């Protein structure tokens, strides 16, 4: 099976208090992820039943993630926001798909953005 590419959010803890630890422990449970799935979030928890997802696209996406042996972050998640988000990598990819002949120009623009932000 081929790797799955996607993005993710990260939870960061800034306090060692018991209630904070309790919340983090809850967020990784099947129950918390079932709630998230019912609200349209694709859960990384493989134990969340597909029927918890509200529509067929969410169910198919969750199934692909559950069956993945390898998950990698897309390139924009590894870039500074100014490089990876709107106006940067994503827009460059869309422009390339629309006009592959403009690759050299797109790459030069991306190099300029990257040199200003790294």
PDB file of N, CA and C in Angstrom:
ATOM      1  N   UNK A   1       0.843  -1.183   0.000  1.00  0.00           N
ATOM      2  CA  UNK A   1       0.000   0.000   0.000  1.00  0.00           C
ATOM      3  C   UNK A   1       0.886   1.244   0.000  1.00  0.00           C
ATOM      4  N   UNK A   2       0.457   2.232  -0.711  1.00  0.00           N
ATOM      5  CA  UNK A   2       1.221   3.461  -0.803  1.00  0.00           C
ATOM      6  C   UNK A   2       1.013   4.342   0.432  1.00  0.00           C
ATOM      7  N   UNK A   3       1.981   5.206   0.697  1.00  0.00           N
ATOM      8  CA  UNK A   3       1.845   6.108   1.854  1.00  0.00           C
ATOM      9  C   UNK A   3       0.664   7.055   1.660  1.00  0.00           C
ATOM     10  N   UNK A   4       0.115   7.514   2.743  1.00  0.00           N
ATOM     11  CA  UNK A   4      -0.939   8.531   2.730  1.00  0.00           C
ATOM     12  C   UNK A   4      -0.301   9.851   3.139  1.00  0.00           C
ATOM     13  N   UNK A   5      -0.683  10.899   2.443  1.00  0.00           N
ATOM     14  CA  UNK A   5      -0.147  12.228   2.703  1.00  0.00           C
ATOM     15  C   UNK A   5      -1.261  13.083   3.284  1.00  0.00           C
ATOM     16  N   UNK A   6      -0.950  13.824   4.326  1.00  0.00           N
ATOM     17  CA  UNK A   6      -1.969  14.679   4.921  1.00  0.00           C
ATOM     18  C   UNK A   6      -1.364  15.710   5.842  1.00  0.00           C
ATOM     19  N   UNK A   7      -2.219  16.354   6.582  1.00  0.00           N
ATOM     20  CA  UNK A   7      -1.812  17.352   7.554  1.00  0.00           C
ATOM     21  C   UNK A   7      -2.383  16.980   8.908  1.00  0.00           C
ATOM     22  N   UNK A   8      -2.004  17.712   9.917  1.00  0.00           N
ATOM     23  CA  UNK A   8      -2.496  17.414  11.258  1.00  0.00           C
ATOM     24  C   UNK A   8      -2.355  18.641  12.148  1.00  0.00           C
ATOM     25  N   UNK A   9      -3.089  18.606  13.231  1.00  0.00           N
ATOM     26  CA  UNK A   9      -2.950  19.618  14.272  1.00  0.00           C
ATOM     27  C   UNK A   9      -2.217  18.974  15.443  1.00  0.00           C
ATOM     28  N   UNK A  10      -1.592  19.793  16.240  1.00  0.00           N
ATOM     29  CA  UNK A  10      -0.805  19.301  17.360  1.00  0.00           C
ATOM     30  C   UNK A  10      -1.323  19.945  18.642  1.00  0.00           C
ATOM     31  N   UNK A  11      -1.389  19.165  19.692  1.00  0.00           N
ATOM     32  CA  UNK A  11      -1.757  19.688  21.002  1.00  0.00           C
ATOM     33  C   UNK A  11      -0.471  19.862  21.802  1.00  0.00           C
ATOM     34  N   UNK A  12      -0.316  21.029  22.390  1.00  0.00           N
ATOM     35  CA  UNK A  12       0.872  21.316  23.188  1.00  0.00           C
ATOM     36  C   UNK A  12       0.426  21.635  24.610  1.00  0.00           C
ATOM     37  N   UNK A  13       1.120  21.079  25.569  1.00  0.00           N
ATOM     38  CA  UNK A  13       0.793  21.292  26.975  1.00  0.00           C
ATOM     39  C   UNK A  13       1.820  22.238  27.588  1.00  0.00           C
ATOM     40  N   UNK A  14       1.319  23.266  28.264  1.00  0.00           N
ATOM     41  CA  UNK A  14       2.198  24.235  28.913  1.00  0.00           C
ATOM     42  C   UNK A  14       2.100  24.191  30.429  1.00  0.00           C
ATOM     43  N   UNK A  15       1.384  23.196  30.932  1.00  0.00           N
ATOM     44  CA  UNK A  15       1.200  23.101  32.368  1.00  0.00           C
ATOM     45  C   UNK A  15       1.234  21.641  32.796  1.00  0.00           C
ATOM     46  N   UNK A  16       1.783  21.388  33.954  1.00  0.00           N
ATOM     47  CA  UNK A  16       1.895  20.029  34.473  1.00  0.00           C
ATOM     48  C   UNK A  16       0.780  19.739  35.482  1.00  0.00           C
ATOM     49  N   UNK A  17      -0.317  20.468  35.386  1.00  0.00           N
ATOM     50  CA  UNK A  17      -1.416  20.302  36.339  1.00  0.00           C
ATOM     51  C   UNK A  17      -2.212  19.033  36.037  1.00  0.00           C
ATOM     52  N   UNK A  18      -2.783  18.413  37.045  1.00  0.00           N
ATOM     53  CA  UNK A  18      -3.532  17.162  36.867  1.00  0.00           C
ATOM     54  C   UNK A  18      -4.698  17.278  35.889  1.00  0.00           C
ATOM     55  N   UNK A  19      -5.418  18.386  35.922  1.00  0.00           N
ATOM     56  CA  UNK A  19      -6.566  18.531  35.027  1.00  0.00           C
ATOM     57  C   UNK A  19      -6.134  18.640  33.559  1.00  0.00           C
ATOM     58  N   UNK A  20      -4.953  19.204  33.338  1.00  0.00           N
ATOM     59  CA  UNK A  20      -4.421  19.292  31.978  1.00  0.00           C
ATOM     60  C   UNK A  20      -4.060  17.890  31.479  1.00  0.00           C
ATOM     61  N   UNK A  21      -3.392  17.123  32.318  1.00  0.00           N
ATOM     62  CA  UNK A  21      -3.051  15.744  31.960  1.00  0.00           C
ATOM     63  C   UNK A  21      -4.308  14.923  31.696  1.00  0.00           C
ATOM     64  N   UNK A  22      -5.339  15.150  32.504  1.00  0.00           N
ATOM     65  CA  UNK A  22      -6.599  14.416  32.329  1.00  0.00           C
ATOM     66  C   UNK A  22      -7.229  14.745  30.964  1.00  0.00           C
ATOM     67  N   UNK A  23      -7.201  16.025  30.586  1.00  0.00           N
ATOM     68  CA  UNK A  23      -7.744  16.424  29.287  1.00  0.00           C
ATOM     69  C   UNK A  23      -6.973  15.766  28.145  1.00  0.00           C
ATOM     70  N   UNK A  24      -5.655  15.795  28.216  1.00  0.00           N
ATOM     71  CA  UNK A  24      -4.836  15.192  27.156  1.00  0.00           C
ATOM     72  C   UNK A  24      -5.105  13.694  27.062  1.00  0.00           C
ATOM     73  N   UNK A  25      -5.204  13.037  28.205  1.00  0.00           N
ATOM     74  CA  UNK A  25      -5.514  11.595  28.192  1.00  0.00           C
ATOM     75  C   UNK A  25      -6.864  11.336  27.534  1.00  0.00           C
ATOM     76  N   UNK A  26      -7.836  12.216  27.793  1.00  0.00           N
ATOM     77  CA  UNK A  26      -9.153  12.060  27.186  1.00  0.00           C
ATOM     78  C   UNK A  26      -9.091  12.275  25.672  1.00  0.00           C
ATOM     79  N   UNK A  27      -8.343  13.279  25.229  1.00  0.00           N
ATOM     80  CA  UNK A  27      -8.300  13.609  23.798  1.00  0.00           C
ATOM     81  C   UNK A  27      -7.781  12.470  22.926  1.00  0.00           C
ATOM     82  N   UNK A  28      -7.016  11.547  23.492  1.00  0.00           N
ATOM     83  CA  UNK A  28      -6.505  10.437  22.690  1.00  0.00           C
ATOM     84  C   UNK A  28      -7.392   9.194  22.754  1.00  0.00           C
ATOM     85  N   UNK A  29      -8.477   9.263  23.497  1.00  0.00           N
ATOM     86  CA  UNK A  29      -9.344   8.089  23.633  1.00  0.00           C
ATOM     87  C   UNK A  29     -10.227   7.906  22.401  1.00  0.00           C
ATOM     88  N   UNK A  30     -10.716   6.690  22.275  1.00  0.00           N
ATOM     89  CA  UNK A  30     -11.667   6.374  21.206  1.00  0.00           C
ATOM     90  C   UNK A  30     -12.918   7.247  21.346  1.00  0.00           C
ATOM     91  N   UNK A  31     -13.384   7.426  22.573  1.00  0.00           N
ATOM     92  CA  UNK A  31     -14.614   8.201  22.807  1.00  0.00           C
ATOM     93  C   UNK A  31     -14.476   9.648  22.335  1.00  0.00           C
ATOM     94  N   UNK A  32     -13.363  10.290  22.672  1.00  0.00           N
ATOM     95  CA  UNK A  32     -13.160  11.677  22.231  1.00  0.00           C
ATOM     96  C   UNK A  32     -13.069  11.754  20.714  1.00  0.00           C
ATOM     97  N   UNK A  33     -12.405  10.771  20.112  1.00  0.00           N
ATOM     98  CA  UNK A  33     -12.255  10.771  18.658  1.00  0.00           C
ATOM     99  C   UNK A  33     -13.561  10.425  17.952  1.00  0.00           C
ATOM    100  N   UNK A  34     -14.442   9.674  18.593  1.00  0.00           N
ATOM    101  CA  UNK A  34     -15.773   9.427  18.015  1.00  0.00           C
ATOM    102  C   UNK A  34     -16.575  10.723  17.965  1.00  0.00           C
ATOM    103  N   UNK A  35     -16.454  11.539  19.013  1.00  0.00           N
ATOM    104  CA  UNK A  35     -17.123  12.846  19.023  1.00  0.00           C
ATOM    105  C   UNK A  35     -16.579  13.713  17.889  1.00  0.00           C
ATOM    106  N   UNK A  36     -15.265  13.731  17.740  1.00  0.00           N
ATOM    107  CA  UNK A  36     -14.643  14.523  16.667  1.00  0.00           C
ATOM    108  C   UNK A  36     -15.107  14.037  15.303  1.00  0.00           C
ATOM    109  N   UNK A  37     -15.155  12.714  15.111  1.00  0.00           N
ATOM    110  CA  UNK A  37     -15.572  12.149  13.819  1.00  0.00           C
ATOM    111  C   UNK A  37     -17.008  12.545  13.489  1.00  0.00           C
ATOM    112  N   UNK A  38     -17.884  12.507  14.475  1.00  0.00           N
ATOM    113  CA  UNK A  38     -19.292  12.881  14.247  1.00  0.00           C
ATOM    114  C   UNK A  38     -19.421  14.345  13.835  1.00  0.00           C
ATOM    115  N   UNK A  39     -18.392  15.132  14.170  1.00  0.00           N
ATOM    116  CA  UNK A  39     -18.389  16.555  13.816  1.00  0.00           C
ATOM    117  C   UNK A  39     -17.537  16.853  12.592  1.00  0.00           C
ATOM    118  N   UNK A  40     -17.174  15.800  11.836  1.00  0.00           N
ATOM    119  CA  UNK A  40     -16.506  15.996  10.559  1.00  0.00           C
ATOM    120  C   UNK A  40     -14.989  15.973  10.576  1.00  0.00           C
ATOM    121  N   UNK A  41     -14.374  15.691  11.709  1.00  0.00           N
ATOM    122  CA  UNK A  41     -12.920  15.607  11.762  1.00  0.00           C
ATOM    123  C   UNK A  41     -12.492  14.178  11.476  1.00  0.00           C
ATOM    124  N   UNK A  42     -11.446  14.012  10.685  1.00  0.00           N
ATOM    125  CA  UNK A  42     -10.917  12.679  10.409  1.00  0.00           C
ATOM    126  C   UNK A  42      -9.962  12.337  11.544  1.00  0.00           C
ATOM    127  N   UNK A  43     -10.273  11.267  12.243  1.00  0.00           N
ATOM    128  CA  UNK A  43      -9.517  10.896  13.430  1.00  0.00           C
ATOM    129  C   UNK A  43      -8.318  10.029  13.085  1.00  0.00           C
ATOM    130  N   UNK A  44      -7.187  10.261  13.768  1.00  0.00           N
ATOM    131  CA  UNK A  44      -6.042   9.374  13.595  1.00  0.00           C
ATOM    132  C   UNK A  44      -6.204   8.067  14.386  1.00  0.00           C
ATOM    133  N   UNK A  45      -7.246   7.986  15.196  1.00  0.00           N
ATOM    134  CA  UNK A  45      -7.496   6.797  16.012  1.00  0.00           C
ATOM    135  C   UNK A  45      -8.167   5.724  15.145  1.00  0.00           C
ATOM    136  N   UNK A  46      -7.458   4.632  14.896  1.00  0.00           N
ATOM    137  CA  UNK A  46      -7.956   3.567  14.020  1.00  0.00           C
ATOM    138  C   UNK A  46      -9.151   2.820  14.591  1.00  0.00           C
ATOM    139  N   UNK A  47      -9.458   3.023  15.864  1.00  0.00           N
ATOM    140  CA  UNK A  47     -10.559   2.319  16.502  1.00  0.00           C
ATOM    141  C   UNK A  47     -11.902   3.022  16.354  1.00  0.00           C
ATOM    142  N   UNK A  48     -11.914   4.186  15.727  1.00  0.00           N
ATOM    143  CA  UNK A  48     -13.172   4.910  15.520  1.00  0.00           C
ATOM    144  C   UNK A  48     -13.926   4.251  14.371  1.00  0.00           C
ATOM    145  N   UNK A  49     -15.129   3.732  14.633  1.00  0.00           N
ATOM    146  CA  UNK A  49     -15.899   3.077  13.565  1.00  0.00           C
ATOM    147  C   UNK A  49     -16.235   4.048  12.436  1.00  0.00           C
ATOM    148  N   UNK A  50     -16.177   3.559  11.219  1.00  0.00           N
ATOM    149  CA  UNK A  50     -16.452   4.406  10.057  1.00  0.00           C
ATOM    150  C   UNK A  50     -17.861   4.971  10.073  1.00  0.00           C
ATOM    151  N   UNK A  51     -18.790   4.249  10.685  1.00  0.00           N
ATOM    152  CA  UNK A  51     -20.171   4.753  10.713  1.00  0.00           C
ATOM    153  C   UNK A  51     -20.321   5.996  11.597  1.00  0.00           C
ATOM    154  N   UNK A  52     -19.275   6.360  12.343  1.00  0.00           N
ATOM    155  CA  UNK A  52     -19.321   7.592  13.137  1.00  0.00           C
ATOM    156  C   UNK A  52     -19.166   8.850  12.278  1.00  0.00           C
ATOM    157  N   UNK A  53     -18.687   8.694  11.063  1.00  0.00           N
ATOM    158  CA  UNK A  53     -18.464   9.860  10.204  1.00  0.00           C
ATOM    159  C   UNK A  53     -19.776  10.270   9.536  1.00  0.00           C
ATOM    160  N   UNK A  54     -19.988  11.576   9.374  1.00  0.00           N
ATOM    161  CA  UNK A  54     -21.298  12.074   8.934  1.00  0.00           C
ATOM    162  C   UNK A  54     -21.628  11.899   7.453  1.00  0.00           C
ATOM    163  N   UNK A  55     -20.646  11.584   6.614  1.00  0.00           N
ATOM    164  CA  UNK A  55     -20.936  11.473   5.182  1.00  0.00           C
ATOM    165  C   UNK A  55     -19.964  10.503   4.521  1.00  0.00           C
ATOM    166  N   UNK A  56     -20.251  10.156   3.279  1.00  0.00           N
ATOM    167  CA  UNK A  56     -19.449   9.142   2.585  1.00  0.00           C
ATOM    168  C   UNK A  56     -18.019   9.599   2.316  1.00  0.00           C
ATOM    169  N   UNK A  57     -17.827  10.871   2.047  1.00  0.00           N
ATOM    170  CA  UNK A  57     -16.468  11.357   1.790  1.00  0.00           C
ATOM    171  C   UNK A  57     -15.624  11.252   3.059  1.00  0.00           C
ATOM    172  N   UNK A  58     -16.188  11.647   4.188  1.00  0.00           N
ATOM    173  CA  UNK A  58     -15.466  11.519   5.456  1.00  0.00           C
ATOM    174  C   UNK A  58     -15.166  10.060   5.760  1.00  0.00           C
ATOM    175  N   UNK A  59     -16.127   9.182   5.516  1.00  0.00           N
ATOM    176  CA  UNK A  59     -15.910   7.752   5.772  1.00  0.00           C
ATOM    177  C   UNK A  59     -14.805   7.194   4.885  1.00  0.00           C
ATOM    178  N   UNK A  60     -14.814   7.579   3.604  1.00  0.00           N
ATOM    179  CA  UNK A  60     -13.764   7.100   2.692  1.00  0.00           C
ATOM    180  C   UNK A  60     -12.396   7.635   3.108  1.00  0.00           C
ATOM    181  N   UNK A  61     -12.345   8.891   3.501  1.00  0.00           N
ATOM    182  CA  UNK A  61     -11.076   9.486   3.947  1.00  0.00           C
ATOM    183  C   UNK A  61     -10.566   8.783   5.202  1.00  0.00           C
ATOM    184  N   UNK A  62     -11.463   8.540   6.149  1.00  0.00           N
ATOM    185  CA  UNK A  62     -11.078   7.856   7.386  1.00  0.00           C
ATOM    186  C   UNK A  62     -10.608   6.439   7.095  1.00  0.00           C
ATOM    187  N   UNK A  63     -11.283   5.762   6.193  1.00  0.00           N
ATOM    188  CA  UNK A  63     -10.891   4.393   5.850  1.00  0.00           C
ATOM    189  C   UNK A  63      -9.484   4.375   5.250  1.00  0.00           C
ATOM    190  N   UNK A  64      -9.205   5.328   4.369  1.00  0.00           N
ATOM    191  CA  UNK A  64      -7.866   5.413   3.769  1.00  0.00           C
ATOM    192  C   UNK A  64      -6.806   5.624   4.846  1.00  0.00           C
ATOM    193  N   UNK A  65      -7.109   6.483   5.808  1.00  0.00           N
ATOM    194  CA  UNK A  65      -6.154   6.753   6.879  1.00  0.00           C
ATOM    195  C   UNK A  65      -6.002   5.528   7.789  1.00  0.00           C
ATOM    196  N   UNK A  66      -7.108   4.878   8.095  1.00  0.00           N
ATOM    197  CA  UNK A  66      -7.050   3.694   8.960  1.00  0.00           C
ATOM    198  C   UNK A  66      -6.251   2.564   8.323  1.00  0.00           C
ATOM    199  N   UNK A  67      -6.319   2.442   7.013  1.00  0.00           N
ATOM    200  CA  UNK A  67      -5.629   1.359   6.321  1.00  0.00           C
ATOM    201  C   UNK A  67      -4.178   1.686   5.969  1.00  0.00           C
ATOM    202  N   UNK A  68      -3.788   2.927   6.155  1.00  0.00           N
ATOM    203  CA  UNK A  68      -2.433   3.348   5.784  1.00  0.00           C
ATOM    204  C   UNK A  68      -1.387   2.693   6.678  1.00  0.00           C
ATOM    205  N   UNK A  69      -0.344   2.198   6.058  1.00  0.00           N
ATOM    206  CA  UNK A  69       0.807   1.691   6.819  1.00  0.00           C
ATOM    207  C   UNK A  69       1.799   2.813   7.076  1.00  0.00           C
ATOM    208  N   UNK A  70       1.801   3.792   6.168  1.00  0.00           N
ATOM    209  CA  UNK A  70       2.731   4.922   6.280  1.00  0.00           C
ATOM    210  C   UNK A  70       1.936   6.210   6.107  1.00  0.00           C
ATOM    211  N   UNK A  71       2.152   7.170   7.004  1.00  0.00           N
ATOM    212  CA  UNK A  71       1.541   8.493   6.901  1.00  0.00           C
ATOM    213  C   UNK A  71       2.663   9.512   6.909  1.00  0.00           C
ATOM    214  N   UNK A  72       2.638  10.432   5.957  1.00  0.00           N
ATOM    215  CA  UNK A  72       3.640  11.498   5.908  1.00  0.00           C
ATOM    216  C   UNK A  72       2.927  12.839   5.815  1.00  0.00           C
ATOM    217  N   UNK A  73       3.561  13.852   6.371  1.00  0.00           N
ATOM    218  CA  UNK A  73       2.995  15.191   6.297  1.00  0.00           C
ATOM    219  C   UNK A  73       3.260  15.775   4.919  1.00  0.00           C
ATOM    220  N   UNK A  74       2.306  16.551   4.417  1.00  0.00           N
ATOM    221  CA  UNK A  74       2.549  17.184   3.125  1.00  0.00           C
ATOM    222  C   UNK A  74       3.612  18.265   3.298  1.00  0.00           C
ATOM    223  N   UNK A  75       4.223  18.622   2.214  1.00  0.00           N
ATOM    224  CA  UNK A  75       5.370  19.536   2.253  1.00  0.00           C
ATOM    225  C   UNK A  75       5.047  20.853   2.943  1.00  0.00           C
ATOM    226  N   UNK A  76       3.837  21.377   2.747  1.00  0.00           N
ATOM    227  CA  UNK A  76       3.527  22.691   3.314  1.00  0.00           C
ATOM    228  C   UNK A  76       3.525  22.678   4.840  1.00  0.00           C
ATOM    229  N   UNK A  77       3.258  21.524   5.466  1.00  0.00           N
ATOM    230  CA  UNK A  77       3.283  21.444   6.924  1.00  0.00           C
ATOM    231  C   UNK A  77       4.696  21.554   7.479  1.00  0.00           C
ATOM    232  N   UNK A  78       5.675  21.341   6.642  1.00  0.00           N
ATOM    233  CA  UNK A  78       7.061  21.391   7.092  1.00  0.00           C
ATOM    234  C   UNK A  78       7.730  22.719   6.737  1.00  0.00           C
ATOM    235  N   UNK A  79       6.971  23.618   6.154  1.00  0.00           N
ATOM    236  CA  UNK A  79       7.510  24.912   5.723  1.00  0.00           C
ATOM    237  C   UNK A  79       7.015  26.021   6.644  1.00  0.00           C
ATOM    238  N   UNK A  80       7.762  27.128   6.723  1.00  0.00           N
ATOM    239  CA  UNK A  80       7.224  28.290   7.445  1.00  0.00           C
ATOM    240  C   UNK A  80       5.901  28.711   6.794  1.00  0.00           C
ATOM    241  N   UNK A  81       4.950  29.244   7.571  1.00  0.00           N
ATOM    242  CA  UNK A  81       3.638  29.604   7.017  1.00  0.00           C
ATOM    243  C   UNK A  81       3.690  30.461   5.755  1.00  0.00           C
ATOM    244  N   UNK A  82       4.580  31.424   5.703  1.00  0.00           N
ATOM    245  CA  UNK A  82       4.645  32.304   4.527  1.00  0.00           C
ATOM    246  C   UNK A  82       5.066  31.549   3.274  1.00  0.00           C
ATOM    247  N   UNK A  83       5.757  30.445   3.455  1.00  0.00           N
ATOM    248  CA  UNK A  83       6.208  29.646   2.318  1.00  0.00           C
ATOM    249  C   UNK A  83       5.174  28.587   1.959  1.00  0.00           C
ATOM    250  N   UNK A  84       4.596  27.947   2.948  1.00  0.00           N
ATOM    251  CA  UNK A  84       3.725  26.809   2.693  1.00  0.00           C
ATOM    252  C   UNK A  84       2.263  27.123   2.465  1.00  0.00           C
ATOM    253  N   UNK A  85       1.788  28.274   2.925  1.00  0.00           N
ATOM    254  CA  UNK A  85       0.355  28.579   2.843  1.00  0.00           C
ATOM    255  C   UNK A  85       0.008  29.412   1.610  1.00  0.00           C
ATOM    256  N   UNK A  86      -1.124  30.108   1.710  1.00  0.00           N
ATOM    257  CA  UNK A  86      -1.598  30.939   0.598  1.00  0.00           C
ATOM    258  C   UNK A  86      -0.503  31.886   0.122  1.00  0.00           C
ATOM    259  N   UNK A  87      -0.367  31.963  -1.168  1.00  0.00           N
ATOM    260  CA  UNK A  87       0.656  32.824  -1.755  1.00  0.00           C
ATOM    261  C   UNK A  87       1.988  32.130  -1.914  1.00  0.00           C
ATOM    262  N   UNK A  88       2.129  30.958  -1.339  1.00  0.00           N
ATOM    263  CA  UNK A  88       3.373  30.216  -1.415  1.00  0.00           C
ATOM    264  C   UNK A  88       3.193  28.902  -2.152  1.00  0.00           C
ATOM    265  N   UNK A  89       3.587  27.834  -1.480  1.00  0.00           N
ATOM    266  CA  UNK A  89       3.622  26.499  -2.076  1.00  0.00           C
ATOM    267  C   UNK A  89       2.287  26.076  -2.709  1.00  0.00           C
ATOM    268  N   UNK A  90       1.181  26.230  -1.957  1.00  0.00           N
ATOM    269  CA  UNK A  90      -0.117  25.775  -2.490  1.00  0.00           C
ATOM    270  C   UNK A  90      -0.498  26.535  -3.754  1.00  0.00           C
ATOM    271  N   UNK A  91      -0.336  27.831  -3.730  1.00  0.00           N
ATOM    272  CA  UNK A  91      -0.660  28.605  -4.924  1.00  0.00           C
ATOM    273  C   UNK A  91       0.267  28.239  -6.076  1.00  0.00           C
ATOM    274  N   UNK A  92       1.526  27.994  -5.780  1.00  0.00           N
ATOM    275  CA  UNK A  92       2.484  27.599  -6.818  1.00  0.00           C
ATOM    276  C   UNK A  92       2.070  26.267  -7.446  1.00  0.00           C
ATOM    277  N   UNK A  93       1.635  25.332  -6.619  1.00  0.00           N
ATOM    278  CA  UNK A  93       1.178  24.033  -7.150  1.00  0.00           C
ATOM    279  C   UNK A  93      -0.028  24.207  -8.063  1.00  0.00           C
ATOM    280  N   UNK A  94      -0.974  25.024  -7.646  1.00  0.00           N
ATOM    281  CA  UNK A  94      -2.169  25.254  -8.473  1.00  0.00           C
ATOM    282  C   UNK A  94      -1.792  25.920  -9.799  1.00  0.00           C
ATOM    283  N   UNK A  95      -0.878  26.889  -9.728  1.00  0.00           N
ATOM    284  CA  UNK A  95      -0.450  27.568 -10.952  1.00  0.00           C
ATOM    285  C   UNK A  95       0.260  26.598 -11.890  1.00  0.00           C
ATOM    286  N   UNK A  96       1.054  25.702 -11.329  1.00  0.00           N
ATOM    287  CA  UNK A  96       1.753  24.717 -12.152  1.00  0.00           C
ATOM    288  C   UNK A  96       0.765  23.777 -12.846  1.00  0.00           C
ATOM    289  N   UNK A  97      -0.231  23.316 -12.117  1.00  0.00           N
ATOM    290  CA  UNK A  97      -1.237  22.419 -12.710  1.00  0.00           C
ATOM    291  C   UNK A  97      -1.970  23.125 -13.845  1.00  0.00           C
ATOM    292  N   UNK A  98      -2.264  24.406 -13.658  1.00  0.00           N
ATOM    293  CA  UNK A  98      -2.966  25.166 -14.690  1.00  0.00           C
ATOM    294  C   UNK A  98      -2.075  25.475 -15.892  1.00  0.00           C
ATOM    295  N   UNK A  99      -0.761  25.607 -15.641  1.00  0.00           N
ATOM    296  CA  UNK A  99       0.145  25.992 -16.720  1.00  0.00           C
ATOM    297  C   UNK A  99       1.540  25.403 -16.470  1.00  0.00           C
ATOM    298  N   UNK A 100       1.744  24.116 -16.789  1.00  0.00           N
ATOM    299  CA  UNK A 100       3.040  23.460 -16.539  1.00  0.00           C
ATOM    300  C   UNK A 100       4.218  24.146 -17.221  1.00  0.00           C
ATOM    301  N   UNK A 101       3.974  24.868 -18.312  1.00  0.00           N
ATOM    302  CA  UNK A 101       5.069  25.544 -19.005  1.00  0.00           C
ATOM    303  C   UNK A 101       5.672  26.671 -18.170  1.00  0.00           C
ATOM    304  N   UNK A 102       4.975  27.101 -17.116  1.00  0.00           N
ATOM    305  CA  UNK A 102       5.481  28.212 -16.296  1.00  0.00           C
ATOM    306  C   UNK A 102       6.326  27.725 -15.114  1.00  0.00           C
ATOM    307  N   UNK A 103       6.766  26.480 -15.140  1.00  0.00           N
ATOM    308  CA  UNK A 103       7.501  25.908 -14.020  1.00  0.00           C
ATOM    309  C   UNK A 103       8.717  26.740 -13.620  1.00  0.00           C
ATOM    310  N   UNK A 104       9.546  27.145 -14.568  1.00  0.00           N
ATOM    311  CA  UNK A 104      10.750  27.908 -14.227  1.00  0.00           C
ATOM    312  C   UNK A 104      10.405  29.205 -13.493  1.00  0.00           C
ATOM    313  N   UNK A 105       9.398  29.900 -13.976  1.00  0.00           N
ATOM    314  CA  UNK A 105       8.964  31.150 -13.331  1.00  0.00           C
ATOM    315  C   UNK A 105       8.444  30.865 -11.917  1.00  0.00           C
ATOM    316  N   UNK A 106       7.632  29.826 -11.779  1.00  0.00           N
ATOM    317  CA  UNK A 106       7.075  29.464 -10.467  1.00  0.00           C
ATOM    318  C   UNK A 106       8.190  29.115  -9.491  1.00  0.00           C
ATOM    319  N   UNK A 107       9.163  28.344  -9.941  1.00  0.00           N
ATOM    320  CA  UNK A 107      10.266  27.960  -9.059  1.00  0.00           C
ATOM    321  C   UNK A 107      11.098  29.158  -8.628  1.00  0.00           C
ATOM    322  N   UNK A 108      11.317  30.109  -9.538  1.00  0.00           N
ATOM    323  CA  UNK A 108      12.059  31.325  -9.177  1.00  0.00           C
ATOM    324  C   UNK A 108      11.300  32.121  -8.113  1.00  0.00           C
ATOM    325  N   UNK A 109       9.985  32.235  -8.269  1.00  0.00           N
ATOM    326  CA  UNK A 109       9.176  32.951  -7.280  1.00  0.00           C
ATOM    327  C   UNK A 109       9.215  32.239  -5.927  1.00  0.00           C
ATOM    328  N   UNK A 110       9.143  30.908  -5.942  1.00  0.00           N
ATOM    329  CA  UNK A 110       9.202  30.149  -4.696  1.00  0.00           C
ATOM    330  C   UNK A 110      10.561  30.309  -4.014  1.00  0.00           C
ATOM    331  N   UNK A 111      11.627  30.367  -4.787  1.00  0.00           N
ATOM    332  CA  UNK A 111      12.962  30.582  -4.230  1.00  0.00           C
ATOM    333  C   UNK A 111      13.037  31.941  -3.534  1.00  0.00           C
ATOM    334  N   UNK A 112      12.425  32.956  -4.137  1.00  0.00           N
ATOM    335  CA  UNK A 112      12.405  34.304  -3.542  1.00  0.00           C
ATOM    336  C   UNK A 112      11.654  34.281  -2.209  1.00  0.00           C
ATOM    337  N   UNK A 113      10.477  33.648  -2.210  1.00  0.00           N
ATOM    338  CA  UNK A 113       9.679  33.565  -0.986  1.00  0.00           C
ATOM    339  C   UNK A 113      10.453  32.797   0.081  1.00  0.00           C
ATOM    340  N   UNK A 114      11.061  31.694  -0.305  1.00  0.00           N
ATOM    341  CA  UNK A 114      11.798  30.870   0.661  1.00  0.00           C
ATOM    342  C   UNK A 114      12.992  31.625   1.234  1.00  0.00           C
ATOM    343  N   UNK A 115      13.730  32.327   0.384  1.00  0.00           N
ATOM    344  CA  UNK A 115      14.930  33.033   0.888  1.00  0.00           C
ATOM    345  C   UNK A 115      14.553  34.151   1.861  1.00  0.00           C
ATOM    346  N   UNK A 116      13.351  34.715   1.735  1.00  0.00           N
ATOM    347  CA  UNK A 116      12.904  35.752   2.669  1.00  0.00           C
ATOM    348  C   UNK A 116      12.399  35.185   3.991  1.00  0.00           C
ATOM    349  N   UNK A 117      12.047  33.896   4.001  1.00  0.00           N
ATOM    350  CA  UNK A 117      11.359  33.343   5.164  1.00  0.00           C
ATOM    351  C   UNK A 117      12.088  32.208   5.873  1.00  0.00           C
ATOM    352  N   UNK A 118      13.218  31.802   5.377  1.00  0.00           N
ATOM    353  CA  UNK A 118      14.001  30.772   6.085  1.00  0.00           C
ATOM    354  C   UNK A 118      15.158  31.400   6.805  1.00  0.00           C
TER     355      UNK A 118
END
